[in-house]
Amino acid sequence: MQTYRGSCHCGAIRFEIDTELTQATRCTCSLCSRKNALMHRVPPERFHLLEGKESLALYQWNTGTAKHYFCKTCGIYPFHMPRAAPDHYSVNVACLDGVDISTLKINVFDGKAFSLETE
């Protein structure tokens, strides 16, 4: 297991995750499609917010279960707690330092269909 450090663009939000990073997920829901993020899920004990709790803005929609966090200053989306697993963190892999995304297996989650099931 490796520790990865991440942040938003301006550095107000800093975090670490402990994981084996071999894959990431692209979700097809309307929000994820627009932000074009690659996500990697970790349990809460492997996610550590180091700085910036006061800099986080929360966005919720549809059922209100998922918690999407953004930096109030730069607008970058570093992580969320997904509706499919609200007790986990899904981290935006593009916010992690030193990760070569081209080496990861990219999975696709049909979030568009998942969203339609509960509307």
PDB file of N, CA and C in Angstrom:
ATOM      1  N   MET A   1       0.846  -1.172   0.000  1.00  0.00           N
ATOM      2  CA  MET A   1       0.000   0.000   0.000  1.00  0.00           C
ATOM      3  C   MET A   1       0.896   1.241   0.000  1.00  0.00           C
ATOM      4  N   GLN A   2       0.457   2.259  -0.726  1.00  0.00           N
ATOM      5  CA  GLN A   2       1.229   3.488  -0.852  1.00  0.00           C
ATOM      6  C   GLN A   2       0.396   4.668  -0.368  1.00  0.00           C
ATOM      7  N   THR A   3       1.062   5.704   0.124  1.00  0.00           N
ATOM      8  CA  THR A   3       0.387   6.938   0.511  1.00  0.00           C
ATOM      9  C   THR A   3       0.549   7.951  -0.608  1.00  0.00           C
ATOM     10  N   TYR A   4      -0.588   8.515  -1.035  1.00  0.00           N
ATOM     11  CA  TYR A   4      -0.602   9.541  -2.075  1.00  0.00           C
ATOM     12  C   TYR A   4      -1.092  10.833  -1.449  1.00  0.00           C
ATOM     13  N   ARG A   5      -0.433  11.935  -1.787  1.00  0.00           N
ATOM     14  CA  ARG A   5      -0.854  13.255  -1.331  1.00  0.00           C
ATOM     15  C   ARG A   5      -1.596  13.930  -2.471  1.00  0.00           C
ATOM     16  N   GLY A   6      -2.606  14.705  -2.095  1.00  0.00           N
ATOM     17  CA  GLY A   6      -3.375  15.427  -3.096  1.00  0.00           C
ATOM     18  C   GLY A   6      -3.792  16.788  -2.589  1.00  0.00           C
ATOM     19  N   SER A   7      -4.266  17.609  -3.521  1.00  0.00           N
ATOM     20  CA  SER A   7      -4.724  18.941  -3.157  1.00  0.00           C
ATOM     21  C   SER A   7      -5.604  19.499  -4.266  1.00  0.00           C
ATOM     22  N   CYS A   8      -6.268  20.601  -3.925  1.00  0.00           N
ATOM     23  CA  CYS A   8      -6.956  21.376  -4.952  1.00  0.00           C
ATOM     24  C   CYS A   8      -5.892  22.201  -5.685  1.00  0.00           C
ATOM     25  N   HIS A   9      -6.277  23.021  -6.623  1.00  0.00           N
ATOM     26  CA  HIS A   9      -5.314  23.794  -7.406  1.00  0.00           C
ATOM     27  C   HIS A   9      -4.581  24.839  -6.581  1.00  0.00           C
ATOM     28  N   CYS A  10      -5.279  25.561  -5.711  1.00  0.00           N
ATOM     29  CA  CYS A  10      -4.649  26.633  -4.948  1.00  0.00           C
ATOM     30  C   CYS A  10      -3.944  26.139  -3.687  1.00  0.00           C
ATOM     31  N   GLY A  11      -4.153  24.872  -3.329  1.00  0.00           N
ATOM     32  CA  GLY A  11      -3.484  24.290  -2.168  1.00  0.00           C
ATOM     33  C   GLY A  11      -4.194  24.497  -0.849  1.00  0.00           C
ATOM     34  N   ALA A  12      -5.354  25.127  -0.864  1.00  0.00           N
ATOM     35  CA  ALA A  12      -6.105  25.342   0.387  1.00  0.00           C
ATOM     36  C   ALA A  12      -6.574  24.018   0.980  1.00  0.00           C
ATOM     37  N   ILE A  13      -6.901  23.056   0.120  1.00  0.00           N
ATOM     38  CA  ILE A  13      -7.349  21.735   0.566  1.00  0.00           C
ATOM     39  C   ILE A  13      -6.233  20.738   0.274  1.00  0.00           C
ATOM     40  N   ARG A  14      -5.791  20.043   1.321  1.00  0.00           N
ATOM     41  CA  ARG A  14      -4.734  19.030   1.184  1.00  0.00           C
ATOM     42  C   ARG A  14      -5.198  17.761   1.891  1.00  0.00           C
ATOM     43  N   PHE A  15      -4.889  16.635   1.263  1.00  0.00           N
ATOM     44  CA  PHE A  15      -5.325  15.355   1.813  1.00  0.00           C
ATOM     45  C   PHE A  15      -4.342  14.269   1.435  1.00  0.00           C
ATOM     46  N   GLU A  16      -4.483  13.120   2.065  1.00  0.00           N
ATOM     47  CA  GLU A  16      -3.711  11.924   1.752  1.00  0.00           C
ATOM     48  C   GLU A  16      -4.665  10.744   1.662  1.00  0.00           C
ATOM     49  N   ILE A  17      -4.284   9.778   0.824  1.00  0.00           N
ATOM     50  CA  ILE A  17      -4.983   8.494   0.805  1.00  0.00           C
ATOM     51  C   ILE A  17      -3.940   7.384   0.857  1.00  0.00           C
ATOM     52  N   ASP A  18      -4.297   6.293   1.483  1.00  0.00           N
ATOM     53  CA  ASP A  18      -3.470   5.084   1.523  1.00  0.00           C
ATOM     54  C   ASP A  18      -4.184   4.044   0.681  1.00  0.00           C
ATOM     55  N   THR A  19      -3.539   3.604  -0.410  1.00  0.00           N
ATOM     56  CA  THR A  19      -4.217   2.692  -1.329  1.00  0.00           C
ATOM     57  C   THR A  19      -3.229   2.041  -2.287  1.00  0.00           C
ATOM     58  N   GLU A  20      -3.705   1.051  -2.992  1.00  0.00           N
ATOM     59  CA  GLU A  20      -3.031   0.486  -4.156  1.00  0.00           C
ATOM     60  C   GLU A  20      -3.744   1.109  -5.350  1.00  0.00           C
ATOM     61  N   LEU A  21      -3.095   2.022  -6.013  1.00  0.00           N
ATOM     62  CA  LEU A  21      -3.726   2.769  -7.103  1.00  0.00           C
ATOM     63  C   LEU A  21      -3.373   2.137  -8.448  1.00  0.00           C
ATOM     64  N   THR A  22      -4.218   1.219  -8.877  1.00  0.00           N
ATOM     65  CA  THR A  22      -4.020   0.555 -10.159  1.00  0.00           C
ATOM     66  C   THR A  22      -5.175   0.828 -11.115  1.00  0.00           C
ATOM     67  N   GLN A  23      -6.270   1.374 -10.579  1.00  0.00           N
ATOM     68  CA  GLN A  23      -7.431   1.631 -11.415  1.00  0.00           C
ATOM     69  C   GLN A  23      -8.179   2.867 -10.928  1.00  0.00           C
ATOM     70  N   ALA A  24      -8.976   3.411 -11.826  1.00  0.00           N
ATOM     71  CA  ALA A  24      -9.823   4.563 -11.524  1.00  0.00           C
ATOM     72  C   ALA A  24     -11.144   4.367 -12.250  1.00  0.00           C
ATOM     73  N   THR A  25     -12.129   5.149 -11.856  1.00  0.00           N
ATOM     74  CA  THR A  25     -13.467   5.007 -12.430  1.00  0.00           C
ATOM     75  C   THR A  25     -13.936   6.330 -13.015  1.00  0.00           C
ATOM     76  N   ARG A  26     -14.524   6.238 -14.186  1.00  0.00           N
ATOM     77  CA  ARG A  26     -15.187   7.382 -14.817  1.00  0.00           C
ATOM     78  C   ARG A  26     -16.687   7.116 -14.736  1.00  0.00           C
ATOM     79  N   CYS A  27     -17.421   8.029 -14.124  1.00  0.00           N
ATOM     80  CA  CYS A  27     -18.869   7.891 -13.972  1.00  0.00           C
ATOM     81  C   CYS A  27     -19.572   8.654 -15.089  1.00  0.00           C
ATOM     82  N   THR A  28     -20.710   8.128 -15.547  1.00  0.00           N
ATOM     83  CA  THR A  28     -21.439   8.736 -16.661  1.00  0.00           C
ATOM     84  C   THR A  28     -22.626   9.590 -16.229  1.00  0.00           C
ATOM     85  N   CYS A  29     -22.788   9.826 -14.914  1.00  0.00           N
ATOM     86  CA  CYS A  29     -23.919  10.668 -14.480  1.00  0.00           C
ATOM     87  C   CYS A  29     -23.718  12.094 -15.008  1.00  0.00           C
ATOM     88  N   SER A  30     -24.758  12.912 -14.934  1.00  0.00           N
ATOM     89  CA  SER A  30     -24.681  14.258 -15.501  1.00  0.00           C
ATOM     90  C   SER A  30     -23.612  15.121 -14.837  1.00  0.00           C
ATOM     91  N   LEU A  31     -23.417  14.999 -13.538  1.00  0.00           N
ATOM     92  CA  LEU A  31     -22.405  15.807 -12.848  1.00  0.00           C
ATOM     93  C   LEU A  31     -20.995  15.330 -13.177  1.00  0.00           C
ATOM     94  N   CYS A  32     -20.743  14.054 -13.028  1.00  0.00           N
ATOM     95  CA  CYS A  32     -19.402  13.521 -13.288  1.00  0.00           C
ATOM     96  C   CYS A  32     -18.991  13.696 -14.747  1.00  0.00           C
ATOM     97  N   SER A  33     -19.934  13.546 -15.664  1.00  0.00           N
ATOM     98  CA  SER A  33     -19.623  13.745 -17.086  1.00  0.00           C
ATOM     99  C   SER A  33     -19.151  15.164 -17.337  1.00  0.00           C
ATOM    100  N   ARG A  34     -19.782  16.120 -16.700  1.00  0.00           N
ATOM    101  CA  ARG A  34     -19.412  17.521 -16.905  1.00  0.00           C
ATOM    102  C   ARG A  34     -18.069  17.871 -16.263  1.00  0.00           C
ATOM    103  N   LYS A  35     -17.768  17.281 -15.114  1.00  0.00           N
ATOM    104  CA  LYS A  35     -16.485  17.615 -14.466  1.00  0.00           C
ATOM    105  C   LYS A  35     -15.347  16.736 -14.972  1.00  0.00           C
ATOM    106  N   ASN A  36     -15.664  15.647 -15.658  1.00  0.00           N
ATOM    107  CA  ASN A  36     -14.688  14.780 -16.328  1.00  0.00           C
ATOM    108  C   ASN A  36     -13.595  14.260 -15.390  1.00  0.00           C
ATOM    109  N   ALA A  37     -13.957  13.929 -14.178  1.00  0.00           N
ATOM    110  CA  ALA A  37     -12.972  13.448 -13.204  1.00  0.00           C
ATOM    111  C   ALA A  37     -12.830  11.928 -13.276  1.00  0.00           C
ATOM    112  N   LEU A  38     -11.644  11.471 -12.941  1.00  0.00           N
ATOM    113  CA  LEU A  38     -11.383  10.051 -12.733  1.00  0.00           C
ATOM    114  C   LEU A  38     -11.334   9.831 -11.238  1.00  0.00           C
ATOM    115  N   MET A  39     -12.108   8.898 -10.738  1.00  0.00           N
ATOM    116  CA  MET A  39     -12.256   8.710  -9.303  1.00  0.00           C
ATOM    117  C   MET A  39     -11.612   7.399  -8.848  1.00  0.00           C
ATOM    118  N   HIS A  40     -11.131   7.430  -7.611  1.00  0.00           N
ATOM    119  CA  HIS A  40     -10.607   6.231  -6.963  1.00  0.00           C
ATOM    120  C   HIS A  40     -11.186   6.205  -5.547  1.00  0.00           C
ATOM    121  N   ARG A  41     -11.860   5.127  -5.198  1.00  0.00           N
ATOM    122  CA  ARG A  41     -12.568   5.033  -3.919  1.00  0.00           C
ATOM    123  C   ARG A  41     -11.705   4.414  -2.830  1.00  0.00           C
ATOM    124  N   VAL A  42     -11.787   5.014  -1.642  1.00  0.00           N
ATOM    125  CA  VAL A  42     -11.086   4.487  -0.469  1.00  0.00           C
ATOM    126  C   VAL A  42     -12.019   4.541   0.739  1.00  0.00           C
ATOM    127  N   PRO A  43     -11.854   3.608   1.676  1.00  0.00           N
ATOM    128  CA  PRO A  43     -12.648   3.660   2.910  1.00  0.00           C
ATOM    129  C   PRO A  43     -12.185   4.837   3.774  1.00  0.00           C
ATOM    130  N   PRO A  44     -13.018   5.299   4.685  1.00  0.00           N
ATOM    131  CA  PRO A  44     -12.694   6.497   5.469  1.00  0.00           C
ATOM    132  C   PRO A  44     -11.400   6.400   6.278  1.00  0.00           C
ATOM    133  N   GLU A  45     -11.031   5.217   6.717  1.00  0.00           N
ATOM    134  CA  GLU A  45      -9.800   5.082   7.496  1.00  0.00           C
ATOM    135  C   GLU A  45      -8.537   5.253   6.634  1.00  0.00           C
ATOM    136  N   ARG A  46      -8.709   5.266   5.321  1.00  0.00           N
ATOM    137  CA  ARG A  46      -7.568   5.457   4.420  1.00  0.00           C
ATOM    138  C   ARG A  46      -7.563   6.847   3.778  1.00  0.00           C
ATOM    139  N   PHE A  47      -8.466   7.714   4.214  1.00  0.00           N
ATOM    140  CA  PHE A  47      -8.540   9.096   3.735  1.00  0.00           C
ATOM    141  C   PHE A  47      -8.238  10.020   4.902  1.00  0.00           C
ATOM    142  N   HIS A  48      -7.343  10.981   4.678  1.00  0.00           N
ATOM    143  CA  HIS A  48      -6.963  11.914   5.743  1.00  0.00           C
ATOM    144  C   HIS A  48      -6.976  13.336   5.191  1.00  0.00           C
ATOM    145  N   LEU A  49      -7.911  14.147   5.670  1.00  0.00           N
ATOM    146  CA  LEU A  49      -7.936  15.563   5.306  1.00  0.00           C
ATOM    147  C   LEU A  49      -6.894  16.261   6.164  1.00  0.00           C
ATOM    148  N   LEU A  50      -5.867  16.800   5.543  1.00  0.00           N
ATOM    149  CA  LEU A  50      -4.751  17.419   6.259  1.00  0.00           C
ATOM    150  C   LEU A  50      -4.980  18.898   6.514  1.00  0.00           C
ATOM    151  N   GLU A  51      -5.572  19.583   5.546  1.00  0.00           N
ATOM    152  CA  GLU A  51      -5.821  21.021   5.645  1.00  0.00           C
ATOM    153  C   GLU A  51      -7.043  21.382   4.818  1.00  0.00           C
ATOM    154  N   GLY A  52      -7.744  22.420   5.245  1.00  0.00           N
ATOM    155  CA  GLY A  52      -8.737  23.035   4.388  1.00  0.00           C
ATOM    156  C   GLY A  52     -10.188  22.718   4.629  1.00  0.00           C
ATOM    157  N   LYS A  53     -10.528  22.145   5.767  1.00  0.00           N
ATOM    158  CA  LYS A  53     -11.945  21.848   6.014  1.00  0.00           C
ATOM    159  C   LYS A  53     -12.806  23.092   5.817  1.00  0.00           C
ATOM    160  N   GLU A  54     -12.302  24.246   6.269  1.00  0.00           N
ATOM    161  CA  GLU A  54     -13.044  25.502   6.149  1.00  0.00           C
ATOM    162  C   GLU A  54     -13.119  26.008   4.708  1.00  0.00           C
ATOM    163  N   SER A  55     -12.285  25.465   3.829  1.00  0.00           N
ATOM    164  CA  SER A  55     -12.271  25.878   2.419  1.00  0.00           C
ATOM    165  C   SER A  55     -13.163  25.012   1.543  1.00  0.00           C
ATOM    166  N   LEU A  56     -13.775  23.992   2.113  1.00  0.00           N
ATOM    167  CA  LEU A  56     -14.634  23.091   1.343  1.00  0.00           C
ATOM    168  C   LEU A  56     -16.048  23.650   1.189  1.00  0.00           C
ATOM    169  N   ALA A  57     -16.556  23.559  -0.016  1.00  0.00           N
ATOM    170  CA  ALA A  57     -17.954  23.867  -0.294  1.00  0.00           C
ATOM    171  C   ALA A  57     -18.629  22.544  -0.650  1.00  0.00           C
ATOM    172  N   LEU A  58     -19.879  22.381  -0.254  1.00  0.00           N
ATOM    173  CA  LEU A  58     -20.624  21.139  -0.483  1.00  0.00           C
ATOM    174  C   LEU A  58     -21.689  21.360  -1.544  1.00  0.00           C
ATOM    175  N   TYR A  59     -21.782  20.416  -2.486  1.00  0.00           N
ATOM    176  CA  TYR A  59     -22.847  20.430  -3.481  1.00  0.00           C
ATOM    177  C   TYR A  59     -23.570  19.086  -3.427  1.00  0.00           C
ATOM    178  N   GLN A  60     -24.894  19.137  -3.345  1.00  0.00           N
ATOM    179  CA  GLN A  60     -25.716  17.926  -3.361  1.00  0.00           C
ATOM    180  C   GLN A  60     -26.869  18.129  -4.330  1.00  0.00           C
ATOM    181  N   TRP A  61     -27.316  17.053  -4.944  1.00  0.00           N
ATOM    182  CA  TRP A  61     -28.429  17.118  -5.882  1.00  0.00           C
ATOM    183  C   TRP A  61     -29.146  15.771  -5.894  1.00  0.00           C
ATOM    184  N   ASN A  62     -30.192  15.647  -6.690  1.00  0.00           N
ATOM    185  CA  ASN A  62     -30.987  14.432  -6.844  1.00  0.00           C
ATOM    186  C   ASN A  62     -31.455  13.934  -5.478  1.00  0.00           C
ATOM    187  N   THR A  63     -30.958  12.821  -4.976  1.00  0.00           N
ATOM    188  CA  THR A  63     -31.420  12.279  -3.693  1.00  0.00           C
ATOM    189  C   THR A  63     -30.776  12.973  -2.493  1.00  0.00           C
ATOM    190  N   GLY A  64     -29.701  13.734  -2.712  1.00  0.00           N
ATOM    191  CA  GLY A  64     -29.000  14.411  -1.622  1.00  0.00           C
ATOM    192  C   GLY A  64     -28.103  13.490  -0.815  1.00  0.00           C
ATOM    193  N   THR A  65     -27.931  12.260  -1.251  1.00  0.00           N
ATOM    194  CA  THR A  65     -27.098  11.299  -0.518  1.00  0.00           C
ATOM    195  C   THR A  65     -25.612  11.558  -0.739  1.00  0.00           C
ATOM    196  N   ALA A  66     -25.227  11.753  -1.989  1.00  0.00           N
ATOM    197  CA  ALA A  66     -23.823  12.006  -2.305  1.00  0.00           C
ATOM    198  C   ALA A  66     -23.423  13.395  -1.826  1.00  0.00           C
ATOM    199  N   LYS A  67     -22.167  13.499  -1.398  1.00  0.00           N
ATOM    200  CA  LYS A  67     -21.629  14.784  -0.950  1.00  0.00           C
ATOM    201  C   LYS A  67     -20.431  15.113  -1.829  1.00  0.00           C
ATOM    202  N   HIS A  68     -20.600  16.117  -2.692  1.00  0.00           N
ATOM    203  CA  HIS A  68     -19.562  16.541  -3.628  1.00  0.00           C
ATOM    204  C   HIS A  68     -18.888  17.781  -3.055  1.00  0.00           C
ATOM    205  N   TYR A  69     -17.573  17.705  -2.851  1.00  0.00           N
ATOM    206  CA  TYR A  69     -16.836  18.803  -2.239  1.00  0.00           C
ATOM    207  C   TYR A  69     -15.985  19.539  -3.269  1.00  0.00           C
ATOM    208  N   PHE A  70     -15.993  20.870  -3.157  1.00  0.00           N
ATOM    209  CA  PHE A  70     -15.239  21.752  -4.039  1.00  0.00           C
ATOM    210  C   PHE A  70     -14.472  22.753  -3.190  1.00  0.00           C
ATOM    211  N   CYS A  71     -13.392  23.273  -3.720  1.00  0.00           N
ATOM    212  CA  CYS A  71     -12.650  24.329  -3.042  1.00  0.00           C
ATOM    213  C   CYS A  71     -13.374  25.655  -3.263  1.00  0.00           C
ATOM    214  N   LYS A  72     -13.638  26.397  -2.199  1.00  0.00           N
ATOM    215  CA  LYS A  72     -14.310  27.698  -2.288  1.00  0.00           C
ATOM    216  C   LYS A  72     -13.461  28.728  -3.032  1.00  0.00           C
ATOM    217  N   THR A  73     -12.153  28.536  -3.053  1.00  0.00           N
ATOM    218  CA  THR A  73     -11.261  29.514  -3.679  1.00  0.00           C
ATOM    219  C   THR A  73     -11.041  29.227  -5.157  1.00  0.00           C
ATOM    220  N   CYS A  74     -10.555  28.029  -5.490  1.00  0.00           N
ATOM    221  CA  CYS A  74     -10.188  27.739  -6.885  1.00  0.00           C
ATOM    222  C   CYS A  74     -11.248  26.935  -7.641  1.00  0.00           C
ATOM    223  N   GLY A  75     -12.228  26.374  -6.937  1.00  0.00           N
ATOM    224  CA  GLY A  75     -13.311  25.641  -7.597  1.00  0.00           C
ATOM    225  C   GLY A  75     -13.002  24.206  -7.963  1.00  0.00           C
ATOM    226  N   ILE A  76     -11.818  23.730  -7.646  1.00  0.00           N
ATOM    227  CA  ILE A  76     -11.445  22.355  -8.001  1.00  0.00           C
ATOM    228  C   ILE A  76     -12.187  21.357  -7.124  1.00  0.00           C
ATOM    229  N   TYR A  77     -12.513  20.233  -7.721  1.00  0.00           N
ATOM    230  CA  TYR A  77     -13.259  19.150  -7.089  1.00  0.00           C
ATOM    231  C   TYR A  77     -12.281  18.046  -6.680  1.00  0.00           C
ATOM    232  N   PRO A  78     -11.861  17.990  -5.411  1.00  0.00           N
ATOM    233  CA  PRO A  78     -10.868  17.000  -5.006  1.00  0.00           C
ATOM    234  C   PRO A  78     -11.441  15.630  -4.616  1.00  0.00           C
ATOM    235  N   PHE A  79     -12.664  15.600  -4.077  1.00  0.00           N
ATOM    236  CA  PHE A  79     -13.223  14.320  -3.638  1.00  0.00           C
ATOM    237  C   PHE A  79     -14.720  14.456  -3.368  1.00  0.00           C
ATOM    238  N   HIS A  80     -15.364  13.306  -3.253  1.00  0.00           N
ATOM    239  CA  HIS A  80     -16.767  13.276  -2.838  1.00  0.00           C
ATOM    240  C   HIS A  80     -17.049  11.978  -2.102  1.00  0.00           C
ATOM    241  N   MET A  81     -18.202  11.917  -1.502  1.00  0.00           N
ATOM    242  CA  MET A  81     -18.708  10.697  -0.872  1.00  0.00           C
ATOM    243  C   MET A  81     -19.895  10.261  -1.733  1.00  0.00           C
ATOM    244  N   PRO A  82     -19.716   9.196  -2.517  1.00  0.00           N
ATOM    245  CA  PRO A  82     -20.701   8.842  -3.548  1.00  0.00           C
ATOM    246  C   PRO A  82     -21.984   8.226  -2.992  1.00  0.00           C
ATOM    247  N   ARG A  83     -23.030   8.395  -3.741  1.00  0.00           N
ATOM    248  CA  ARG A  83     -24.320   7.824  -3.354  1.00  0.00           C
ATOM    249  C   ARG A  83     -24.262   6.302  -3.338  1.00  0.00           C
ATOM    250  N   ALA A  84     -23.481   5.718  -4.241  1.00  0.00           N
ATOM    251  CA  ALA A  84     -23.364   4.260  -4.309  1.00  0.00           C
ATOM    252  C   ALA A  84     -22.607   3.691  -3.113  1.00  0.00           C
ATOM    253  N   ALA A  85     -21.806   4.520  -2.439  1.00  0.00           N
ATOM    254  CA  ALA A  85     -21.046   4.091  -1.257  1.00  0.00           C
ATOM    255  C   ALA A  85     -20.815   5.319  -0.365  1.00  0.00           C
ATOM    256  N   PRO A  86     -21.873   5.817   0.284  1.00  0.00           N
ATOM    257  CA  PRO A  86     -21.782   7.085   1.011  1.00  0.00           C
ATOM    258  C   PRO A  86     -20.856   7.074   2.222  1.00  0.00           C
ATOM    259  N   ASP A  87     -20.378   5.912   2.610  1.00  0.00           N
ATOM    260  CA  ASP A  87     -19.447   5.827   3.734  1.00  0.00           C
ATOM    261  C   ASP A  87     -17.989   5.770   3.261  1.00  0.00           C
ATOM    262  N   HIS A  88     -17.740   5.978   1.967  1.00  0.00           N
ATOM    263  CA  HIS A  88     -16.394   5.970   1.384  1.00  0.00           C
ATOM    264  C   HIS A  88     -16.093   7.326   0.745  1.00  0.00           C
ATOM    265  N   TYR A  89     -14.833   7.537   0.453  1.00  0.00           N
ATOM    266  CA  TYR A  89     -14.401   8.726  -0.279  1.00  0.00           C
ATOM    267  C   TYR A  89     -13.998   8.318  -1.680  1.00  0.00           C
ATOM    268  N   SER A  90     -14.453   9.066  -2.661  1.00  0.00           N
ATOM    269  CA  SER A  90     -13.986   8.912  -4.033  1.00  0.00           C
ATOM    270  C   SER A  90     -13.136  10.132  -4.330  1.00  0.00           C
ATOM    271  N   VAL A  91     -11.866   9.888  -4.562  1.00  0.00           N
ATOM    272  CA  VAL A  91     -10.885  10.951  -4.743  1.00  0.00           C
ATOM    273  C   VAL A  91     -10.647  11.181  -6.230  1.00  0.00           C
ATOM    274  N   ASN A  92     -10.571  12.446  -6.621  1.00  0.00           N
ATOM    275  CA  ASN A  92     -10.259  12.811  -7.993  1.00  0.00           C
ATOM    276  C   ASN A  92      -8.774  12.531  -8.229  1.00  0.00           C
ATOM    277  N   VAL A  93      -8.479  11.515  -9.019  1.00  0.00           N
ATOM    278  CA  VAL A  93      -7.103  11.076  -9.250  1.00  0.00           C
ATOM    279  C   VAL A  93      -6.255  12.205  -9.828  1.00  0.00           C
ATOM    280  N   ALA A  94      -6.849  13.110 -10.594  1.00  0.00           N
ATOM    281  CA  ALA A  94      -6.108  14.231 -11.165  1.00  0.00           C
ATOM    282  C   ALA A  94      -5.594  15.192 -10.091  1.00  0.00           C
ATOM    283  N   CYS A  95      -6.123  15.113  -8.886  1.00  0.00           N
ATOM    284  CA  CYS A  95      -5.667  15.959  -7.774  1.00  0.00           C
ATOM    285  C   CYS A  95      -4.528  15.326  -6.986  1.00  0.00           C
ATOM    286  N   LEU A  96      -4.151  14.100  -7.313  1.00  0.00           N
ATOM    287  CA  LEU A  96      -3.073  13.414  -6.604  1.00  0.00           C
ATOM    288  C   LEU A  96      -1.726  13.741  -7.228  1.00  0.00           C
ATOM    289  N   ASP A  97      -0.738  13.974  -6.384  1.00  0.00           N
ATOM    290  CA  ASP A  97       0.615  14.302  -6.854  1.00  0.00           C
ATOM    291  C   ASP A  97       1.308  13.062  -7.428  1.00  0.00           C
ATOM    292  N   GLY A  98       1.951  13.222  -8.577  1.00  0.00           N
ATOM    293  CA  GLY A  98       2.818  12.197  -9.129  1.00  0.00           C
ATOM    294  C   GLY A  98       2.156  10.969  -9.708  1.00  0.00           C
ATOM    295  N   VAL A  99       0.883  11.030 -10.032  1.00  0.00           N
ATOM    296  CA  VAL A  99       0.199   9.867 -10.599  1.00  0.00           C
ATOM    297  C   VAL A  99       0.169   9.980 -12.120  1.00  0.00           C
ATOM    298  N   ASP A 100       0.625   8.935 -12.791  1.00  0.00           N
ATOM    299  CA  ASP A 100       0.566   8.856 -14.248  1.00  0.00           C
ATOM    300  C   ASP A 100      -0.738   8.144 -14.608  1.00  0.00           C
ATOM    301  N   ILE A 101      -1.728   8.902 -14.991  1.00  0.00           N
ATOM    302  CA  ILE A 101      -3.065   8.356 -15.273  1.00  0.00           C
ATOM    303  C   ILE A 101      -3.024   7.322 -16.393  1.00  0.00           C
ATOM    304  N   SER A 102      -2.065   7.434 -17.310  1.00  0.00           N
ATOM    305  CA  SER A 102      -2.002   6.496 -18.437  1.00  0.00           C
ATOM    306  C   SER A 102      -1.667   5.070 -17.990  1.00  0.00           C
ATOM    307  N   THR A 103      -1.197   4.878 -16.764  1.00  0.00           N
ATOM    308  CA  THR A 103      -0.867   3.537 -16.271  1.00  0.00           C
ATOM    309  C   THR A 103      -2.048   2.861 -15.578  1.00  0.00           C
ATOM    310  N   LEU A 104      -3.140   3.587 -15.389  1.00  0.00           N
ATOM    311  CA  LEU A 104      -4.281   3.046 -14.647  1.00  0.00           C
ATOM    312  C   LEU A 104      -5.295   2.363 -15.556  1.00  0.00           C
ATOM    313  N   LYS A 105      -5.910   1.320 -15.036  1.00  0.00           N
ATOM    314  CA  LYS A 105      -7.058   0.711 -15.709  1.00  0.00           C
ATOM    315  C   LYS A 105      -8.243   1.630 -15.423  1.00  0.00           C
ATOM    316  N   ILE A 106      -8.956   2.033 -16.473  1.00  0.00           N
ATOM    317  CA  ILE A 106     -10.097   2.934 -16.311  1.00  0.00           C
ATOM    318  C   ILE A 106     -11.393   2.141 -16.456  1.00  0.00           C
ATOM    319  N   ASN A 107     -12.174   2.118 -15.390  1.00  0.00           N
ATOM    320  CA  ASN A 107     -13.488   1.475 -15.392  1.00  0.00           C
ATOM    321  C   ASN A 107     -14.553   2.533 -15.642  1.00  0.00           C
ATOM    322  N   VAL A 108     -15.689   2.117 -16.164  1.00  0.00           N
ATOM    323  CA  VAL A 108     -16.804   3.034 -16.379  1.00  0.00           C
ATOM    324  C   VAL A 108     -17.975   2.573 -15.530  1.00  0.00           C
ATOM    325  N   PHE A 109     -18.521   3.510 -14.740  1.00  0.00           N
ATOM    326  CA  PHE A 109     -19.711   3.253 -13.935  1.00  0.00           C
ATOM    327  C   PHE A 109     -20.880   3.948 -14.611  1.00  0.00           C
ATOM    328  N   ASP A 110     -21.963   3.213 -14.878  1.00  0.00           N
ATOM    329  CA  ASP A 110     -23.126   3.790 -15.560  1.00  0.00           C
ATOM    330  C   ASP A 110     -23.964   4.595 -14.557  1.00  0.00           C
ATOM    331  N   GLY A 111     -23.429   5.730 -14.160  1.00  0.00           N
ATOM    332  CA  GLY A 111     -24.116   6.602 -13.218  1.00  0.00           C
ATOM    333  C   GLY A 111     -25.366   7.221 -13.804  1.00  0.00           C
ATOM    334  N   LYS A 112     -25.424   7.338 -15.112  1.00  0.00           N
ATOM    335  CA  LYS A 112     -26.614   7.885 -15.767  1.00  0.00           C
ATOM    336  C   LYS A 112     -27.805   6.967 -15.502  1.00  0.00           C
ATOM    337  N   ALA A 113     -27.634   5.677 -15.680  1.00  0.00           N
ATOM    338  CA  ALA A 113     -28.715   4.723 -15.411  1.00  0.00           C
ATOM    339  C   ALA A 113     -29.003   4.640 -13.916  1.00  0.00           C
ATOM    340  N   PHE A 114     -27.966   4.684 -13.099  1.00  0.00           N
ATOM    341  CA  PHE A 114     -28.119   4.645 -11.642  1.00  0.00           C
ATOM    342  C   PHE A 114     -28.949   5.840 -11.159  1.00  0.00           C
ATOM    343  N   SER A 115     -28.724   7.017 -11.744  1.00  0.00           N
ATOM    344  CA  SER A 115     -29.474   8.223 -11.380  1.00  0.00           C
ATOM    345  C   SER A 115     -30.932   8.107 -11.786  1.00  0.00           C
ATOM    346  N   LEU A 116     -31.202   7.527 -12.943  1.00  0.00           N
ATOM    347  CA  LEU A 116     -32.570   7.398 -13.423  1.00  0.00           C
ATOM    348  C   LEU A 116     -33.401   6.466 -12.572  1.00  0.00           C
ATOM    349  N   GLU A 117     -32.746   5.497 -11.919  1.00  0.00           N
ATOM    350  CA  GLU A 117     -33.458   4.532 -11.088  1.00  0.00           C
ATOM    351  C   GLU A 117     -34.130   5.184  -9.891  1.00  0.00           C
ATOM    352  N   THR A 118     -33.642   6.340  -9.460  1.00  0.00           N
ATOM    353  CA  THR A 118     -34.165   6.936  -8.219  1.00  0.00           C
ATOM    354  C   THR A 118     -34.820   8.285  -8.421  1.00  0.00           C
ATOM    355  N   GLU A 119     -34.950   8.746  -9.650  1.00  0.00           N
ATOM    356  CA  GLU A 119     -35.584  10.045  -9.883  1.00  0.00           C
ATOM    357  C   GLU A 119     -37.073   9.956  -9.750  1.00  0.00           C
TER     358      GLU A 119
END
